[in-house]
Full PDB file with SEQRES, HELIX, SHEET, SSBOND, CRYST1, ORIGX, SCALE, CONECT and MASTER records, all heavy atoms in Angstrom:
SEQRES   1 A   43  ARG GLU LEU VAL ALA ALA ILE PRO SER GLY GLY SER THR          
SEQRES   2 A   43  ASN TYR ALA ASP SER VAL LYS GLY ARG PHE THR ILE SER          
SEQRES   3 A   43  ARG ASP ASN ALA LYS ASN THR VAL TYR LEU GLN MET ASN          
SEQRES   4 A   43  SER LEU LYS PRO                                              
HELIX    1 AA1 ASN A   29  LYS A   31  5                                   3    
SHEET    1 AA1 2 ALA A   5  ALA A   6  0                                        
SHEET    2 AA1 2 ASN A  14  TYR A  15 -1                                        
SHEET    1 AA2 2 PHE A  23  ASP A  28  0                                        
SHEET    2 AA2 2 THR A  33  MET A  38 -1                                        
CRYST1    1.000    1.000    1.000  90.00  90.00  90.00 P 1           1          
ORIGX1      1.000000  0.000000  0.000000        0.00000                         
ORIGX2      0.000000  1.000000  0.000000        0.00000                         
ORIGX3      0.000000  0.000000  1.000000        0.00000                         
SCALE1      1.000000  0.000000  0.000000        0.00000                         
SCALE2      0.000000  1.000000  0.000000        0.00000                         
SCALE3      0.000000  0.000000  1.000000        0.00000                         
ATOM      1  N   ARG A   1       5.226  -0.558  15.940  1.00  0.00           N  
ATOM      2  CA  ARG A   1       4.354  -0.680  14.789  1.00  0.00           C  
ATOM      3  C   ARG A   1       4.591   0.517  13.861  1.00  0.00           C  
ATOM      4  O   ARG A   1       4.657   1.663  14.306  1.00  0.00           O  
ATOM      5  CB  ARG A   1       2.887  -0.732  15.211  1.00  0.00           C  
ATOM      6  CG  ARG A   1       1.923  -0.981  14.067  1.00  0.00           C  
ATOM      7  CD  ARG A   1       0.485  -1.165  14.550  1.00  0.00           C  
ATOM      8  NE  ARG A   1       0.342  -2.332  15.422  1.00  0.00           N  
ATOM      9  CZ  ARG A   1      -0.826  -2.803  15.842  1.00  0.00           C  
ATOM     10  NH1 ARG A   1      -1.960  -2.223  15.466  1.00  0.00           N  
ATOM     11  NH2 ARG A   1      -0.862  -3.861  16.643  1.00  0.00           N  
ATOM     12  N   GLU A   2       4.716   0.246  12.576  1.00  0.00           N  
ATOM     13  CA  GLU A   2       5.032   1.298  11.626  1.00  0.00           C  
ATOM     14  C   GLU A   2       4.081   1.275  10.441  1.00  0.00           C  
ATOM     15  O   GLU A   2       3.578   0.222  10.037  1.00  0.00           O  
ATOM     16  CB  GLU A   2       6.476   1.159  11.124  1.00  0.00           C  
ATOM     17  CG  GLU A   2       6.746  -0.123  10.349  1.00  0.00           C  
ATOM     18  CD  GLU A   2       8.147  -0.191   9.771  1.00  0.00           C  
ATOM     19  OE1 GLU A   2       8.883   0.804   9.846  1.00  0.00           O  
ATOM     20  OE2 GLU A   2       8.513  -1.264   9.235  1.00  0.00           O  
ATOM     21  N   LEU A   3       3.854   2.442   9.893  1.00  0.00           N  
ATOM     22  CA  LEU A   3       3.029   2.565   8.701  1.00  0.00           C  
ATOM     23  C   LEU A   3       3.783   2.007   7.502  1.00  0.00           C  
ATOM     24  O   LEU A   3       4.941   2.352   7.264  1.00  0.00           O  
ATOM     25  CB  LEU A   3       2.669   4.028   8.453  1.00  0.00           C  
ATOM     26  CG  LEU A   3       1.895   4.324   7.163  1.00  0.00           C  
ATOM     27  CD1 LEU A   3       0.493   3.732   7.231  1.00  0.00           C  
ATOM     28  CD2 LEU A   3       1.822   5.825   6.910  1.00  0.00           C  
ATOM     29  N   VAL A   4       3.113   1.161   6.739  1.00  0.00           N  
ATOM     30  CA  VAL A   4       3.670   0.610   5.511  1.00  0.00           C  
ATOM     31  C   VAL A   4       3.164   1.384   4.302  1.00  0.00           C  
ATOM     32  O   VAL A   4       3.941   1.815   3.448  1.00  0.00           O  
ATOM     33  CB  VAL A   4       3.335  -0.885   5.363  1.00  0.00           C  
ATOM     34  CG1 VAL A   4       3.856  -1.427   4.031  1.00  0.00           C  
ATOM     35  CG2 VAL A   4       3.906  -1.677   6.531  1.00  0.00           C  
ATOM     36  N   ALA A   5       1.853   1.539   4.217  1.00  0.00           N  
ATOM     37  CA  ALA A   5       1.237   2.235   3.093  1.00  0.00           C  
ATOM     38  C   ALA A   5      -0.162   2.671   3.469  1.00  0.00           C  
ATOM     39  O   ALA A   5      -0.818   2.048   4.294  1.00  0.00           O  
ATOM     40  CB  ALA A   5       1.198   1.340   1.850  1.00  0.00           C  
ATOM     41  N   ALA A   6      -0.614   3.746   2.844  1.00  0.00           N  
ATOM     42  CA  ALA A   6      -1.957   4.250   3.084  1.00  0.00           C  
ATOM     43  C   ALA A   6      -2.546   4.773   1.787  1.00  0.00           C  
ATOM     44  O   ALA A   6      -1.816   5.240   0.904  1.00  0.00           O  
ATOM     45  CB  ALA A   6      -1.942   5.362   4.136  1.00  0.00           C  
ATOM     46  N   ILE A   7      -3.877   4.681   1.687  1.00  0.00           N  
ATOM     47  CA  ILE A   7      -4.563   5.170   0.495  1.00  0.00           C  
ATOM     48  C   ILE A   7      -5.858   5.860   0.903  1.00  0.00           C  
ATOM     49  O   ILE A   7      -6.872   5.218   1.174  1.00  0.00           O  
ATOM     50  CB  ILE A   7      -4.790   4.030  -0.527  1.00  0.00           C  
ATOM     51  CG1 ILE A   7      -5.458   4.570  -1.791  1.00  0.00           C  
ATOM     52  CG2 ILE A   7      -5.567   2.865   0.075  1.00  0.00           C  
ATOM     53  CD1 ILE A   7      -5.408   3.583  -2.957  1.00  0.00           C  
ATOM     54  N   PRO A   8      -5.841   7.191   0.970  1.00  0.00           N  
ATOM     55  CA  PRO A   8      -7.065   7.944   1.244  1.00  0.00           C  
ATOM     56  C   PRO A   8      -7.994   7.956   0.032  1.00  0.00           C  
ATOM     57  O   PRO A   8      -7.620   7.521  -1.062  1.00  0.00           O  
ATOM     58  CB  PRO A   8      -6.548   9.354   1.549  1.00  0.00           C  
ATOM     59  CG  PRO A   8      -5.078   9.208   1.762  1.00  0.00           C  
ATOM     60  CD  PRO A   8      -4.662   8.053   0.908  1.00  0.00           C  
ATOM     61  N   SER A   9      -9.201   8.473   0.242  1.00  0.00           N  
ATOM     62  CA  SER A   9     -10.183   8.528  -0.836  1.00  0.00           C  
ATOM     63  C   SER A   9      -9.764   9.460  -1.967  1.00  0.00           C  
ATOM     64  O   SER A   9     -10.213   9.307  -3.093  1.00  0.00           O  
ATOM     65  CB  SER A   9     -11.544   8.970  -0.292  1.00  0.00           C  
ATOM     66  OG  SER A   9     -12.066   8.023   0.620  1.00  0.00           O  
ATOM     67  N   GLY A  10      -8.923  10.431  -1.657  1.00  0.00           N  
ATOM     68  CA  GLY A  10      -8.491  11.396  -2.654  1.00  0.00           C  
ATOM     69  C   GLY A  10      -7.650  10.819  -3.770  1.00  0.00           C  
ATOM     70  O   GLY A  10      -7.423  11.498  -4.775  1.00  0.00           O  
ATOM     71  N   GLY A  11      -7.172   9.595  -3.606  1.00  0.00           N  
ATOM     72  CA  GLY A  11      -6.412   8.939  -4.651  1.00  0.00           C  
ATOM     73  C   GLY A  11      -4.915   8.937  -4.445  1.00  0.00           C  
ATOM     74  O   GLY A  11      -4.204   8.204  -5.140  1.00  0.00           O  
ATOM     75  N   SER A  12      -4.422   9.738  -3.524  1.00  0.00           N  
ATOM     76  CA  SER A  12      -2.996   9.747  -3.250  1.00  0.00           C  
ATOM     77  C   SER A  12      -2.612   8.512  -2.448  1.00  0.00           C  
ATOM     78  O   SER A  12      -3.447   7.897  -1.780  1.00  0.00           O  
ATOM     79  CB  SER A  12      -2.602  11.017  -2.499  1.00  0.00           C  
ATOM     80  OG  SER A  12      -3.239  11.070  -1.234  1.00  0.00           O  
ATOM     81  N   THR A  13      -1.345   8.146  -2.525  1.00  0.00           N  
ATOM     82  CA  THR A  13      -0.831   7.029  -1.745  1.00  0.00           C  
ATOM     83  C   THR A  13       0.408   7.461  -0.987  1.00  0.00           C  
ATOM     84  O   THR A  13       1.111   8.392  -1.384  1.00  0.00           O  
ATOM     85  CB  THR A  13      -0.492   5.819  -2.629  1.00  0.00           C  
ATOM     86  OG1 THR A  13       0.430   6.218  -3.650  1.00  0.00           O  
ATOM     87  CG2 THR A  13      -1.746   5.269  -3.286  1.00  0.00           C  
ATOM     88  N   ASN A  14       0.679   6.772   0.095  1.00  0.00           N  
ATOM     89  CA  ASN A  14       1.820   7.073   0.936  1.00  0.00           C  
ATOM     90  C   ASN A  14       2.502   5.768   1.314  1.00  0.00           C  
ATOM     91  O   ASN A  14       1.835   4.826   1.736  1.00  0.00           O  
ATOM     92  CB  ASN A  14       1.369   7.837   2.183  1.00  0.00           C  
ATOM     93  CG  ASN A  14       2.522   8.312   3.028  1.00  0.00           C  
ATOM     94  OD1 ASN A  14       3.564   8.692   2.508  1.00  0.00           O  
ATOM     95  ND2 ASN A  14       2.333   8.309   4.340  1.00  0.00           N  
ATOM     96  N   TYR A  15       3.821   5.719   1.160  1.00  0.00           N  
ATOM     97  CA  TYR A  15       4.587   4.518   1.443  1.00  0.00           C  
ATOM     98  C   TYR A  15       5.755   4.823   2.364  1.00  0.00           C  
ATOM     99  O   TYR A  15       6.358   5.897   2.290  1.00  0.00           O  
ATOM    100  CB  TYR A  15       5.154   3.911   0.165  1.00  0.00           C  
ATOM    101  CG  TYR A  15       4.123   3.418  -0.823  1.00  0.00           C  
ATOM    102  CD1 TYR A  15       3.674   4.235  -1.850  1.00  0.00           C  
ATOM    103  CD2 TYR A  15       3.617   2.130  -0.733  1.00  0.00           C  
ATOM    104  CE1 TYR A  15       2.736   3.791  -2.760  1.00  0.00           C  
ATOM    105  CE2 TYR A  15       2.680   1.670  -1.640  1.00  0.00           C  
ATOM    106  CZ  TYR A  15       2.244   2.510  -2.654  1.00  0.00           C  
ATOM    107  OH  TYR A  15       1.316   2.054  -3.567  1.00  0.00           O  
ATOM    108  N   ALA A  16       6.076   3.857   3.195  1.00  0.00           N  
ATOM    109  CA  ALA A  16       7.317   3.930   3.938  1.00  0.00           C  
ATOM    110  C   ALA A  16       8.488   3.840   2.966  1.00  0.00           C  
ATOM    111  O   ALA A  16       8.415   3.141   1.948  1.00  0.00           O  
ATOM    112  CB  ALA A  16       7.397   2.798   4.956  1.00  0.00           C  
ATOM    113  N   ASP A  17       9.564   4.538   3.272  1.00  0.00           N  
ATOM    114  CA  ASP A  17      10.727   4.532   2.386  1.00  0.00           C  
ATOM    115  C   ASP A  17      11.271   3.123   2.165  1.00  0.00           C  
ATOM    116  O   ASP A  17      11.771   2.808   1.082  1.00  0.00           O  
ATOM    117  CB  ASP A  17      11.830   5.421   2.960  1.00  0.00           C  
ATOM    118  CG  ASP A  17      11.499   6.899   2.884  1.00  0.00           C  
ATOM    119  OD1 ASP A  17      10.615   7.277   2.088  1.00  0.00           O  
ATOM    120  OD2 ASP A  17      12.129   7.674   3.617  1.00  0.00           O  
ATOM    121  N   SER A  18      11.147   2.281   3.164  1.00  0.00           N  
ATOM    122  CA  SER A  18      11.701   0.941   3.086  1.00  0.00           C  
ATOM    123  C   SER A  18      10.966   0.032   2.104  1.00  0.00           C  
ATOM    124  O   SER A  18      11.510  -0.998   1.700  1.00  0.00           O  
ATOM    125  CB  SER A  18      11.713   0.289   4.473  1.00  0.00           C  
ATOM    126  OG  SER A  18      10.404   0.214   5.009  1.00  0.00           O  
ATOM    127  N   VAL A  19       9.743   0.392   1.724  1.00  0.00           N  
ATOM    128  CA  VAL A  19       8.959  -0.460   0.832  1.00  0.00           C  
ATOM    129  C   VAL A  19       8.642   0.204  -0.503  1.00  0.00           C  
ATOM    130  O   VAL A  19       8.143  -0.469  -1.415  1.00  0.00           O  
ATOM    131  CB  VAL A  19       7.647  -0.929   1.491  1.00  0.00           C  
ATOM    132  CG1 VAL A  19       7.916  -1.561   2.845  1.00  0.00           C  
ATOM    133  CG2 VAL A  19       6.651   0.221   1.624  1.00  0.00           C  
ATOM    134  N   LYS A  20       8.926   1.471  -0.626  1.00  0.00           N  
ATOM    135  CA  LYS A  20       8.601   2.189  -1.847  1.00  0.00           C  
ATOM    136  C   LYS A  20       9.324   1.574  -3.042  1.00  0.00           C  
ATOM    137  O   LYS A  20      10.516   1.302  -2.988  1.00  0.00           O  
ATOM    138  CB  LYS A  20       8.964   3.663  -1.710  1.00  0.00           C  
ATOM    139  CG  LYS A  20       8.381   4.538  -2.806  1.00  0.00           C  
ATOM    140  CD  LYS A  20       8.566   6.015  -2.497  1.00  0.00           C  
ATOM    141  CE  LYS A  20       7.872   6.892  -3.533  1.00  0.00           C  
ATOM    142  NZ  LYS A  20       7.993   8.335  -3.195  1.00  0.00           N  
ATOM    143  N   GLY A  21       8.575   1.344  -4.102  1.00  0.00           N  
ATOM    144  CA  GLY A  21       9.117   0.701  -5.281  1.00  0.00           C  
ATOM    145  C   GLY A  21       8.937  -0.794  -5.288  1.00  0.00           C  
ATOM    146  O   GLY A  21       9.079  -1.431  -6.344  1.00  0.00           O  
ATOM    147  N   ARG A  22       8.633  -1.377  -4.143  1.00  0.00           N  
ATOM    148  CA  ARG A  22       8.425  -2.825  -4.039  1.00  0.00           C  
ATOM    149  C   ARG A  22       6.976  -3.179  -3.714  1.00  0.00           C  
ATOM    150  O   ARG A  22       6.473  -4.199  -4.181  1.00  0.00           O  
ATOM    151  CB  ARG A  22       9.333  -3.432  -2.967  1.00  0.00           C  
ATOM    152  CG  ARG A  22      10.821  -3.241  -3.243  1.00  0.00           C  
ATOM    153  CD  ARG A  22      11.677  -4.013  -2.243  1.00  0.00           C  
ATOM    154  NE  ARG A  22      11.490  -3.528  -0.875  1.00  0.00           N  
ATOM    155  CZ  ARG A  22      11.033  -4.274   0.131  1.00  0.00           C  
ATOM    156  NH1 ARG A  22      10.735  -5.554  -0.063  1.00  0.00           N  
ATOM    157  NH2 ARG A  22      10.900  -3.748   1.345  1.00  0.00           N  
ATOM    158  N   PHE A  23       6.323  -2.356  -2.896  1.00  0.00           N  
ATOM    159  CA  PHE A  23       4.949  -2.611  -2.480  1.00  0.00           C  
ATOM    160  C   PHE A  23       4.003  -1.652  -3.192  1.00  0.00           C  
ATOM    161  O   PHE A  23       4.353  -0.500  -3.465  1.00  0.00           O  
ATOM    162  CB  PHE A  23       4.781  -2.410  -0.972  1.00  0.00           C  
ATOM    163  CG  PHE A  23       5.480  -3.419  -0.107  1.00  0.00           C  
ATOM    164  CD1 PHE A  23       6.376  -4.338  -0.626  1.00  0.00           C  
ATOM    165  CD2 PHE A  23       5.225  -3.441   1.260  1.00  0.00           C  
ATOM    166  CE1 PHE A  23       7.020  -5.262   0.181  1.00  0.00           C  
ATOM    167  CE2 PHE A  23       5.857  -4.360   2.079  1.00  0.00           C  
ATOM    168  CZ  PHE A  23       6.755  -5.265   1.548  1.00  0.00           C  
ATOM    169  N   THR A  24       2.788  -2.119  -3.453  1.00  0.00           N  
ATOM    170  CA  THR A  24       1.761  -1.293  -4.054  1.00  0.00           C  
ATOM    171  C   THR A  24       0.456  -1.473  -3.300  1.00  0.00           C  
ATOM    172  O   THR A  24      -0.020  -2.599  -3.139  1.00  0.00           O  
ATOM    173  CB  THR A  24       1.547  -1.638  -5.532  1.00  0.00           C  
ATOM    174  OG1 THR A  24       2.773  -1.495  -6.249  1.00  0.00           O  
ATOM    175  CG2 THR A  24       0.505  -0.708  -6.150  1.00  0.00           C  
ATOM    176  N   ILE A  25      -0.125  -0.370  -2.856  1.00  0.00           N  
ATOM    177  CA  ILE A  25      -1.413  -0.418  -2.186  1.00  0.00           C  
ATOM    178  C   ILE A  25      -2.499  -0.034  -3.187  1.00  0.00           C  
ATOM    179  O   ILE A  25      -2.308   0.859  -4.016  1.00  0.00           O  
ATOM    180  CB  ILE A  25      -1.449   0.496  -0.944  1.00  0.00           C  
ATOM    181  CG1 ILE A  25      -2.731   0.284  -0.141  1.00  0.00           C  
ATOM    182  CG2 ILE A  25      -1.269   1.963  -1.325  1.00  0.00           C  
ATOM    183  CD1 ILE A  25      -2.720   0.967   1.220  1.00  0.00           C  
ATOM    184  N   SER A  26      -3.622  -0.724  -3.123  1.00  0.00           N  
ATOM    185  CA  SER A  26      -4.752  -0.419  -3.986  1.00  0.00           C  
ATOM    186  C   SER A  26      -6.044  -0.651  -3.221  1.00  0.00           C  
ATOM    187  O   SER A  26      -6.048  -1.246  -2.140  1.00  0.00           O  
ATOM    188  CB  SER A  26      -4.718  -1.254  -5.271  1.00  0.00           C  
ATOM    189  OG  SER A  26      -4.770  -2.643  -4.981  1.00  0.00           O  
ATOM    190  N   ARG A  27      -7.129  -0.187  -3.798  1.00  0.00           N  
ATOM    191  CA  ARG A  27      -8.404  -0.202  -3.087  1.00  0.00           C  
ATOM    192  C   ARG A  27      -9.541  -0.475  -4.053  1.00  0.00           C  
ATOM    193  O   ARG A  27      -9.587   0.077  -5.154  1.00  0.00           O  
ATOM    194  CB  ARG A  27      -8.569   1.158  -2.392  1.00  0.00           C  
ATOM    195  CG  ARG A  27      -9.794   1.353  -1.568  1.00  0.00           C  
ATOM    196  CD  ARG A  27      -9.682   2.698  -0.856  1.00  0.00           C  
ATOM    197  NE  ARG A  27     -10.933   3.102  -0.251  1.00  0.00           N  
ATOM    198  CZ  ARG A  27     -11.127   4.229   0.416  1.00  0.00           C  
ATOM    199  NH1 ARG A  27     -10.119   5.083   0.570  1.00  0.00           N  
ATOM    200  NH2 ARG A  27     -12.303   4.513   0.927  1.00  0.00           N  
ATOM    201  N   ASP A  28     -10.468  -1.319  -3.630  1.00  0.00           N  
ATOM    202  CA  ASP A  28     -11.672  -1.606  -4.382  1.00  0.00           C  
ATOM    203  C   ASP A  28     -12.843  -1.111  -3.543  1.00  0.00           C  
ATOM    204  O   ASP A  28     -13.262  -1.774  -2.593  1.00  0.00           O  
ATOM    205  CB  ASP A  28     -11.801  -3.102  -4.679  1.00  0.00           C  
ATOM    206  CG  ASP A  28     -12.966  -3.422  -5.593  1.00  0.00           C  
ATOM    207  OD1 ASP A  28     -13.949  -2.665  -5.623  1.00  0.00           O  
ATOM    208  OD2 ASP A  28     -12.899  -4.456  -6.290  1.00  0.00           O  
ATOM    209  N   ASN A  29     -13.349   0.055  -3.877  1.00  0.00           N  
ATOM    210  CA  ASN A  29     -14.407   0.664  -3.073  1.00  0.00           C  
ATOM    211  C   ASN A  29     -15.703  -0.152  -3.088  1.00  0.00           C  
ATOM    212  O   ASN A  29     -16.420  -0.196  -2.086  1.00  0.00           O  
ATOM    213  CB  ASN A  29     -14.683   2.090  -3.561  1.00  0.00           C  
ATOM    214  CG  ASN A  29     -13.530   3.026  -3.301  1.00  0.00           C  
ATOM    215  OD1 ASN A  29     -12.767   2.849  -2.347  1.00  0.00           O  
ATOM    216  ND2 ASN A  29     -13.393   4.040  -4.145  1.00  0.00           N  
ATOM    217  N   ALA A  30     -16.013  -0.785  -4.211  1.00  0.00           N  
ATOM    218  CA  ALA A  30     -17.229  -1.578  -4.308  1.00  0.00           C  
ATOM    219  C   ALA A  30     -17.210  -2.766  -3.362  1.00  0.00           C  
ATOM    220  O   ALA A  30     -18.254  -3.216  -2.889  1.00  0.00           O  
ATOM    221  CB  ALA A  30     -17.444  -2.052  -5.746  1.00  0.00           C  
ATOM    222  N   LYS A  31     -16.021  -3.290  -3.081  1.00  0.00           N  
ATOM    223  CA  LYS A  31     -15.873  -4.436  -2.193  1.00  0.00           C  
ATOM    224  C   LYS A  31     -15.414  -4.051  -0.795  1.00  0.00           C  
ATOM    225  O   LYS A  31     -15.229  -4.929   0.049  1.00  0.00           O  
ATOM    226  CB  LYS A  31     -14.881  -5.434  -2.788  1.00  0.00           C  
ATOM    227  CG  LYS A  31     -15.328  -6.053  -4.101  1.00  0.00           C  
ATOM    228  CD  LYS A  31     -14.284  -7.028  -4.619  1.00  0.00           C  
ATOM    229  CE  LYS A  31     -14.725  -7.665  -5.925  1.00  0.00           C  
ATOM    230  NZ  LYS A  31     -13.710  -8.619  -6.446  1.00  0.00           N  
ATOM    231  N   ASN A  32     -15.220  -2.762  -0.552  1.00  0.00           N  
ATOM    232  CA  ASN A  32     -14.692  -2.283   0.735  1.00  0.00           C  
ATOM    233  C   ASN A  32     -13.420  -3.038   1.113  1.00  0.00           C  
ATOM    234  O   ASN A  32     -13.249  -3.482   2.252  1.00  0.00           O  
ATOM    235  CB  ASN A  32     -15.743  -2.412   1.840  1.00  0.00           C  
ATOM    236  CG  ASN A  32     -16.881  -1.431   1.682  1.00  0.00           C  
ATOM    237  OD1 ASN A  32     -16.698  -0.319   1.194  1.00  0.00           O  
ATOM    238  ND2 ASN A  32     -18.074  -1.836   2.092  1.00  0.00           N  
ATOM    239  N   THR A  33     -12.536  -3.154   0.153  1.00  0.00           N  
ATOM    240  CA  THR A  33     -11.343  -3.968   0.318  1.00  0.00           C  
ATOM    241  C   THR A  33     -10.098  -3.186  -0.079  1.00  0.00           C  
ATOM    242  O   THR A  33     -10.108  -2.450  -1.070  1.00  0.00           O  
ATOM    243  CB  THR A  33     -11.436  -5.248  -0.521  1.00  0.00           C  
ATOM    244  OG1 THR A  33     -12.571  -6.014  -0.089  1.00  0.00           O  
ATOM    245  CG2 THR A  33     -10.186  -6.103  -0.372  1.00  0.00           C  
ATOM    246  N   VAL A  34      -9.043  -3.361   0.695  1.00  0.00           N  
ATOM    247  CA  VAL A  34      -7.746  -2.797   0.373  1.00  0.00           C  
ATOM    248  C   VAL A  34      -6.760  -3.940   0.176  1.00  0.00           C  
ATOM    249  O   VAL A  34      -6.851  -4.973   0.843  1.00  0.00           O  
ATOM    250  CB  VAL A  34      -7.267  -1.819   1.470  1.00  0.00           C  
ATOM    251  CG1 VAL A  34      -7.035  -2.538   2.794  1.00  0.00           C  
ATOM    252  CG2 VAL A  34      -6.012  -1.078   1.023  1.00  0.00           C  
ATOM    253  N   TYR A  35      -5.828  -3.752  -0.747  1.00  0.00           N  
ATOM    254  CA  TYR A  35      -4.840  -4.764  -1.071  1.00  0.00           C  
ATOM    255  C   TYR A  35      -3.436  -4.207  -0.880  1.00  0.00           C  
ATOM    256  O   TYR A  35      -3.203  -3.005  -0.990  1.00  0.00           O  
ATOM    257  CB  TYR A  35      -4.985  -5.227  -2.525  1.00  0.00           C  
ATOM    258  CG  TYR A  35      -6.367  -5.714  -2.886  1.00  0.00           C  
ATOM    259  CD1 TYR A  35      -7.298  -4.849  -3.455  1.00  0.00           C  
ATOM    260  CD2 TYR A  35      -6.739  -7.034  -2.663  1.00  0.00           C  
ATOM    261  CE1 TYR A  35      -8.567  -5.295  -3.789  1.00  0.00           C  
ATOM    262  CE2 TYR A  35      -8.001  -7.485  -2.995  1.00  0.00           C  
ATOM    263  CZ  TYR A  35      -8.912  -6.613  -3.556  1.00  0.00           C  
ATOM    264  OH  TYR A  35     -10.169  -7.058  -3.894  1.00  0.00           O  
ATOM    265  N   LEU A  36      -2.519  -5.104  -0.618  1.00  0.00           N  
ATOM    266  CA  LEU A  36      -1.112  -4.744  -0.583  1.00  0.00           C  
ATOM    267  C   LEU A  36      -0.344  -5.784  -1.380  1.00  0.00           C  
ATOM    268  O   LEU A  36      -0.190  -6.928  -0.932  1.00  0.00           O  
ATOM    269  CB  LEU A  36      -0.580  -4.667   0.848  1.00  0.00           C  
ATOM    270  CG  LEU A  36       0.856  -4.169   0.991  1.00  0.00           C  
ATOM    271  CD1 LEU A  36       0.956  -2.690   0.597  1.00  0.00           C  
ATOM    272  CD2 LEU A  36       1.362  -4.358   2.420  1.00  0.00           C  
ATOM    273  N   GLN A  37       0.108  -5.403  -2.558  1.00  0.00           N  
ATOM    274  CA  GLN A  37       0.939  -6.264  -3.379  1.00  0.00           C  
ATOM    275  C   GLN A  37       2.387  -6.070  -2.958  1.00  0.00           C  
ATOM    276  O   GLN A  37       2.917  -4.959  -3.029  1.00  0.00           O  
ATOM    277  CB  GLN A  37       0.765  -5.927  -4.861  1.00  0.00           C  
ATOM    278  CG  GLN A  37       1.622  -6.759  -5.801  1.00  0.00           C  
ATOM    279  CD  GLN A  37       1.240  -8.220  -5.800  1.00  0.00           C  
ATOM    280  OE1 GLN A  37       0.059  -8.550  -5.879  1.00  0.00           O  
ATOM    281  NE2 GLN A  37       2.231  -9.108  -5.700  1.00  0.00           N  
ATOM    282  N   MET A  38       3.021  -7.133  -2.509  1.00  0.00           N  
ATOM    283  CA  MET A  38       4.377  -7.074  -1.997  1.00  0.00           C  
ATOM    284  C   MET A  38       5.289  -7.884  -2.909  1.00  0.00           C  
ATOM    285  O   MET A  38       5.142  -9.101  -3.017  1.00  0.00           O  
ATOM    286  CB  MET A  38       4.449  -7.605  -0.565  1.00  0.00           C  
ATOM    287  CG  MET A  38       3.502  -6.897   0.391  1.00  0.00           C  
ATOM    288  SD  MET A  38       3.703  -7.432   2.117  1.00  0.00           S  
ATOM    289  CE  MET A  38       3.158  -9.130   1.970  1.00  0.00           C  
ATOM    290  N   ASN A  39       6.202  -7.208  -3.563  1.00  0.00           N  
ATOM    291  CA  ASN A  39       7.156  -7.844  -4.456  1.00  0.00           C  
ATOM    292  C   ASN A  39       8.572  -7.688  -3.913  1.00  0.00           C  
ATOM    293  O   ASN A  39       8.843  -6.832  -3.075  1.00  0.00           O  
ATOM    294  CB  ASN A  39       7.074  -7.235  -5.854  1.00  0.00           C  
ATOM    295  CG  ASN A  39       5.729  -7.423  -6.509  1.00  0.00           C  
ATOM    296  OD1 ASN A  39       5.062  -8.437  -6.310  1.00  0.00           O  
ATOM    297  ND2 ASN A  39       5.323  -6.449  -7.321  1.00  0.00           N  
ATOM    298  N   SER A  40       9.471  -8.506  -4.425  1.00  0.00           N  
ATOM    299  CA  SER A  40      10.883  -8.450  -4.024  1.00  0.00           C  
ATOM    300  C   SER A  40      11.030  -8.445  -2.510  1.00  0.00           C  
ATOM    301  O   SER A  40      11.755  -7.628  -1.932  1.00  0.00           O  
ATOM    302  CB  SER A  40      11.559  -7.220  -4.638  1.00  0.00           C  
ATOM    303  OG  SER A  40      11.469  -7.239  -6.045  1.00  0.00           O  
ATOM    304  N   LEU A  41      10.353  -9.364  -1.867  1.00  0.00           N  
ATOM    305  CA  LEU A  41      10.336  -9.395  -0.408  1.00  0.00           C  
ATOM    306  C   LEU A  41      11.713  -9.691   0.163  1.00  0.00           C  
ATOM    307  O   LEU A  41      12.491 -10.462  -0.405  1.00  0.00           O  
ATOM    308  CB  LEU A  41       9.327 -10.420   0.085  1.00  0.00           C  
ATOM    309  CG  LEU A  41       7.868  -9.957   0.006  1.00  0.00           C  
ATOM    310  CD1 LEU A  41       6.923 -11.144   0.067  1.00  0.00           C  
ATOM    311  CD2 LEU A  41       7.567  -8.972   1.138  1.00  0.00           C  
ATOM    312  N   LYS A  42      11.983  -9.073   1.297  1.00  0.00           N  
ATOM    313  CA  LYS A  42      13.238  -9.219   2.009  1.00  0.00           C  
ATOM    314  C   LYS A  42      12.972  -9.778   3.401  1.00  0.00           C  
ATOM    315  O   LYS A  42      11.883  -9.603   3.941  1.00  0.00           O  
ATOM    316  CB  LYS A  42      13.939  -7.860   2.140  1.00  0.00           C  
ATOM    317  CG  LYS A  42      14.183  -7.145   0.826  1.00  0.00           C  
ATOM    318  CD  LYS A  42      14.749  -5.752   1.074  1.00  0.00           C  
ATOM    319  CE  LYS A  42      14.985  -5.010  -0.220  1.00  0.00           C  
ATOM    320  NZ  LYS A  42      15.520  -3.641   0.026  1.00  0.00           N  
ATOM    321  N   PRO A  43      13.962 -10.431   4.007  1.00  0.00           N  
ATOM    322  CA  PRO A  43      13.767 -10.932   5.372  1.00  0.00           C  
ATOM    323  C   PRO A  43      13.333  -9.849   6.357  1.00  0.00           C  
ATOM    324  O   PRO A  43      12.571 -10.140   7.283  1.00  0.00           O  
ATOM    325  CB  PRO A  43      15.144 -11.497   5.742  1.00  0.00           C  
ATOM    326  CG  PRO A  43      15.720 -11.917   4.435  1.00  0.00           C  
ATOM    327  CD  PRO A  43      15.247 -10.880   3.444  1.00  0.00           C  
TER     328      PRO A  43                                                      
MASTER        0    0    0    1    4    0    0    6  327    1    0    4          
END                                                                             
């Protein structure tokens, strides 16, 4: 199991090198929800 992306409360984000530039993590605090937008997907 590997980390793909993380978003702490401080606003910084962290991505695995393999997904950087293709995936975007975001957070909606009011909904207690985190999202992962995945573009240019590969097998």
